[in-house]
Structure formats: C-alpha cells, structure tokens
Amino acid sequence: MKTMQTAETNLKVSQADTRPAIVFSPHYMGSLRYFEKLLPYVSKKYRPVFLILFTKQCFFSEMAAYCKDKNYEFFLMDEPIMPSFVKRFGALRSVIFARHYVRELPRFFA
C-alpha cells in the first residue's frame, strides 16, 4: 500500500529546525496557492507543511508536483484499500477512512 512518499518527494528538514509545524491541507490548486501566499508570514514562527489528501484525485498529482518544484515540505496520503462491497455502505466506509487516518497521520510527524 502506497500511503506516503517521503524519500523522493519531501524536502529534508534539518534537525536544528525546532519550530512547531503548521499543517495546511489544500483540496485543490487554488487553495494550495492561497496557502502559499501565507507562507512568508507563517514561516517566521512555524514550519509550514502541506498534507495532500486523496479527496480530489484529479488534483492529487498536480499538487504533489507543484510542491516538489517549489521545494515545500509535504506529505501524500492515498485512499485506503477497501473491498468492493464496502463502497456501498457509507457508515462502514467512514469507519475505514477514520481508521486509516488514525494509523497514517502519526507516521508523518515521527
């Protein structure tokens, strides 16, 4: 399961950087560029990190490529693998998504 691409895509953060991280989670390119306008003000006090989720698949790879080109620190999270019958049951699908988030998010900040 491919949930995070850290070695190739993330900017290496030095150990001397002790600023707390602030996480931006853009849903499409417009919100990513809006958050980018905030970076000069936020980066003085915080270490900005982009968390790119699978919610809008059409923008997923475009946002990852944009962050990579700009050398921003970012994390990618793919959709959890689910059996085909689960997609029909909304409540069960929500539980699987929540469980996936709970397991994957701590790995980003380890």
C-alpha atoms as a PDB file:
ATOM      1  CA  MET A   1       0.000   0.000   0.000  1.00  0.00           C
ATOM      2  CA  LYS A   2       1.466   3.333  -1.060  1.00  0.00           C
ATOM      3  CA  THR A   3       0.495   5.934   1.523  1.00  0.00           C
ATOM      4  CA  MET A   4       3.471   8.214   1.862  1.00  0.00           C
ATOM      5  CA  GLN A   5       6.308   9.150  -0.457  1.00  0.00           C
ATOM      6  CA  THR A   6       8.895  10.696   1.805  1.00  0.00           C
ATOM      7  CA  ALA A   7      12.314   9.791   0.430  1.00  0.00           C
ATOM      8  CA  GLU A   8      11.868  11.211  -3.066  1.00  0.00           C
ATOM      9  CA  THR A   9       9.290  13.939  -2.615  1.00  0.00           C
ATOM     10  CA  ASN A  10       9.805  15.645   0.717  1.00  0.00           C
ATOM     11  CA  LEU A  11      12.269  18.369   1.496  1.00  0.00           C
ATOM     12  CA  LYS A  12      14.719  17.252   4.147  1.00  0.00           C
ATOM     13  CA  VAL A  13      14.207  19.288   7.280  1.00  0.00           C
ATOM     14  CA  SER A  14      17.329  19.962   9.299  1.00  0.00           C
ATOM     15  CA  GLN A  15      17.490  18.745  12.860  1.00  0.00           C
ATOM     16  CA  ALA A  16      18.243  22.302  14.018  1.00  0.00           C
ATOM     17  CA  ASP A  17      14.768  23.461  12.964  1.00  0.00           C
ATOM     18  CA  THR A  18      12.833  23.344  16.227  1.00  0.00           C
ATOM     19  CA  ARG A  19       9.891  25.453  15.117  1.00  0.00           C
ATOM     20  CA  PRO A  20       6.484  23.823  15.571  1.00  0.00           C
ATOM     21  CA  ALA A  21       4.850  22.582  12.381  1.00  0.00           C
ATOM     22  CA  ILE A  22       1.696  24.127  10.972  1.00  0.00           C
ATOM     23  CA  VAL A  23      -0.155  21.814   8.602  1.00  0.00           C
ATOM     24  CA  PHE A  24      -2.068  23.078   5.580  1.00  0.00           C
ATOM     25  CA  SER A  25      -4.374  20.639   3.827  1.00  0.00           C
ATOM     26  CA  PRO A  26      -5.303  22.051   0.410  1.00  0.00           C
ATOM     27  CA  HIS A  27      -8.140  20.440  -1.539  1.00  0.00           C
ATOM     28  CA  TYR A  28      -7.243  21.828  -4.958  1.00  0.00           C
ATOM     29  CA  MET A  29      -4.608  24.018  -6.635  1.00  0.00           C
ATOM     30  CA  GLY A  30      -6.388  27.269  -5.779  1.00  0.00           C
ATOM     31  CA  SER A  31      -6.256  26.631  -2.046  1.00  0.00           C
ATOM     32  CA  LEU A  32      -2.634  25.499  -2.332  1.00  0.00           C
ATOM     33  CA  ARG A  33      -1.699  28.787  -3.979  1.00  0.00           C
ATOM     34  CA  TYR A  34      -3.670  30.700  -1.343  1.00  0.00           C
ATOM     35  CA  PHE A  35      -1.751  28.931   1.428  1.00  0.00           C
ATOM     36  CA  GLU A  36       1.435  29.723  -0.477  1.00  0.00           C
ATOM     37  CA  LYS A  37       0.662  33.448  -0.092  1.00  0.00           C
ATOM     38  CA  LEU A  38       0.574  32.954   3.686  1.00  0.00           C
ATOM     39  CA  LEU A  39       3.981  31.261   3.863  1.00  0.00           C
ATOM     40  CA  PRO A  40       6.142  34.406   4.209  1.00  0.00           C
ATOM     41  CA  TYR A  41       4.177  35.424   7.302  1.00  0.00           C
ATOM     42  CA  VAL A  42       3.767  31.984   8.837  1.00  0.00           C
ATOM     43  CA  SER A  43       7.260  30.622   8.182  1.00  0.00           C
ATOM     44  CA  LYS A  44       8.886  33.054  10.610  1.00  0.00           C
ATOM     45  CA  LYS A  45       7.284  31.324  13.579  1.00  0.00           C
ATOM     46  CA  TYR A  46       6.191  27.923  12.213  1.00  0.00           C
ATOM     47  CA  ARG A  47       7.482  25.237   9.884  1.00  0.00           C
ATOM     48  CA  PRO A  48       4.834  25.015   7.123  1.00  0.00           C
ATOM     49  CA  VAL A  49       3.880  21.516   5.967  1.00  0.00           C
ATOM     50  CA  PHE A  50       1.361  20.573   3.280  1.00  0.00           C
ATOM     51  CA  LEU A  51      -0.772  17.474   3.787  1.00  0.00           C
ATOM     52  CA  ILE A  52      -2.154  16.431   0.409  1.00  0.00           C
ATOM     53  CA  LEU A  53      -5.033  14.003   0.728  1.00  0.00           C
ATOM     54  CA  PHE A  54      -6.655  11.803  -1.881  1.00  0.00           C
ATOM     55  CA  THR A  55     -10.013  13.610  -1.702  1.00  0.00           C
ATOM     56  CA  LYS A  56      -9.672  15.248  -5.125  1.00  0.00           C
ATOM     57  CA  GLN A  57      -7.864  12.663  -7.240  1.00  0.00           C
ATOM     58  CA  CYS A  58      -7.686  14.953 -10.278  1.00  0.00           C
ATOM     59  CA  PHE A  59      -5.529  17.471  -8.357  1.00  0.00           C
ATOM     60  CA  PHE A  60      -3.529  14.970  -6.288  1.00  0.00           C
ATOM     61  CA  SER A  61      -0.545  14.542  -8.624  1.00  0.00           C
ATOM     62  CA  GLU A  62      -0.643  18.168  -9.775  1.00  0.00           C
ATOM     63  CA  MET A  63      -0.359  19.466  -6.206  1.00  0.00           C
ATOM     64  CA  ALA A  64       2.431  16.994  -5.402  1.00  0.00           C
ATOM     65  CA  ALA A  65       4.416  18.100  -8.459  1.00  0.00           C
ATOM     66  CA  TYR A  66       3.886  21.777  -7.593  1.00  0.00           C
ATOM     67  CA  CYS A  67       5.135  21.306  -4.025  1.00  0.00           C
ATOM     68  CA  LYS A  68       8.115  19.328  -5.268  1.00  0.00           C
ATOM     69  CA  ASP A  69       9.024  22.078  -7.765  1.00  0.00           C
ATOM     70  CA  LYS A  70       8.793  24.758  -5.063  1.00  0.00           C
ATOM     71  CA  ASN A  71      10.748  22.628  -2.523  1.00  0.00           C
ATOM     72  CA  TYR A  72       7.962  22.700   0.049  1.00  0.00           C
ATOM     73  CA  GLU A  73       7.721  20.066   2.734  1.00  0.00           C
ATOM     74  CA  PHE A  74       4.669  17.909   2.032  1.00  0.00           C
ATOM     75  CA  PHE A  75       3.128  14.543   2.740  1.00  0.00           C
ATOM     76  CA  LEU A  76       0.912  12.441   0.492  1.00  0.00           C
ATOM     77  CA  MET A  77      -1.832  10.173   1.730  1.00  0.00           C
ATOM     78  CA  ASP A  78      -3.536   7.778  -0.660  1.00  0.00           C
ATOM     79  CA  GLU A  79      -7.000   6.346  -0.280  1.00  0.00           C
ATOM     80  CA  PRO A  80      -7.220   3.194   1.859  1.00  0.00           C
ATOM     81  CA  ILE A  81      -7.694  -0.064   0.015  1.00  0.00           C
ATOM     82  CA  MET A  82     -11.230  -1.321   0.538  1.00  0.00           C
ATOM     83  CA  PRO A  83     -13.141  -4.372  -0.654  1.00  0.00           C
ATOM     84  CA  SER A  84     -15.708  -3.556  -3.331  1.00  0.00           C
ATOM     85  CA  PHE A  85     -18.736  -4.339  -1.127  1.00  0.00           C
ATOM     86  CA  VAL A  86     -17.683  -1.723   1.456  1.00  0.00           C
ATOM     87  CA  LYS A  87     -18.132   1.141  -1.011  1.00  0.00           C
ATOM     88  CA  ARG A  88     -21.912   0.651  -0.822  1.00  0.00           C
ATOM     89  CA  PHE A  89     -22.100   1.029   2.963  1.00  0.00           C
ATOM     90  CA  GLY A  90     -21.492   4.638   3.950  1.00  0.00           C
ATOM     91  CA  ALA A  91     -21.094   4.073   7.684  1.00  0.00           C
ATOM     92  CA  LEU A  92     -18.595   1.253   7.281  1.00  0.00           C
ATOM     93  CA  ARG A  93     -16.702   3.276   4.689  1.00  0.00           C
ATOM     94  CA  SER A  94     -16.441   6.207   7.123  1.00  0.00           C
ATOM     95  CA  VAL A  95     -15.064   3.941   9.847  1.00  0.00           C
ATOM     96  CA  ILE A  96     -12.413   2.574   7.473  1.00  0.00           C
ATOM     97  CA  PHE A  97     -11.391   6.098   6.421  1.00  0.00           C
ATOM     98  CA  ALA A  98     -11.166   7.254  10.063  1.00  0.00           C
ATOM     99  CA  ARG A  99      -9.107   4.200  10.996  1.00  0.00           C
ATOM    100  CA  HIS A 100      -6.800   4.843   8.058  1.00  0.00           C
ATOM    101  CA  TYR A 101      -6.261   8.473   9.160  1.00  0.00           C
ATOM    102  CA  VAL A 102      -5.545   7.453  12.745  1.00  0.00           C
ATOM    103  CA  ARG A 103      -2.898   4.964  11.604  1.00  0.00           C
ATOM    104  CA  GLU A 104      -1.220   7.084   8.948  1.00  0.00           C
ATOM    105  CA  LEU A 105      -1.059  10.601  10.399  1.00  0.00           C
ATOM    106  CA  PRO A 106       1.371   9.830  13.259  1.00  0.00           C
ATOM    107  CA  ARG A 107       3.862   8.433  10.712  1.00  0.00           C
ATOM    108  CA  PHE A 108       4.188  11.835   9.088  1.00  0.00           C
ATOM    109  CA  PHE A 109       5.394  13.530  12.243  1.00  0.00           C
ATOM    110  CA  ALA A 110       7.578  10.773  13.682  1.00  0.00           C
END
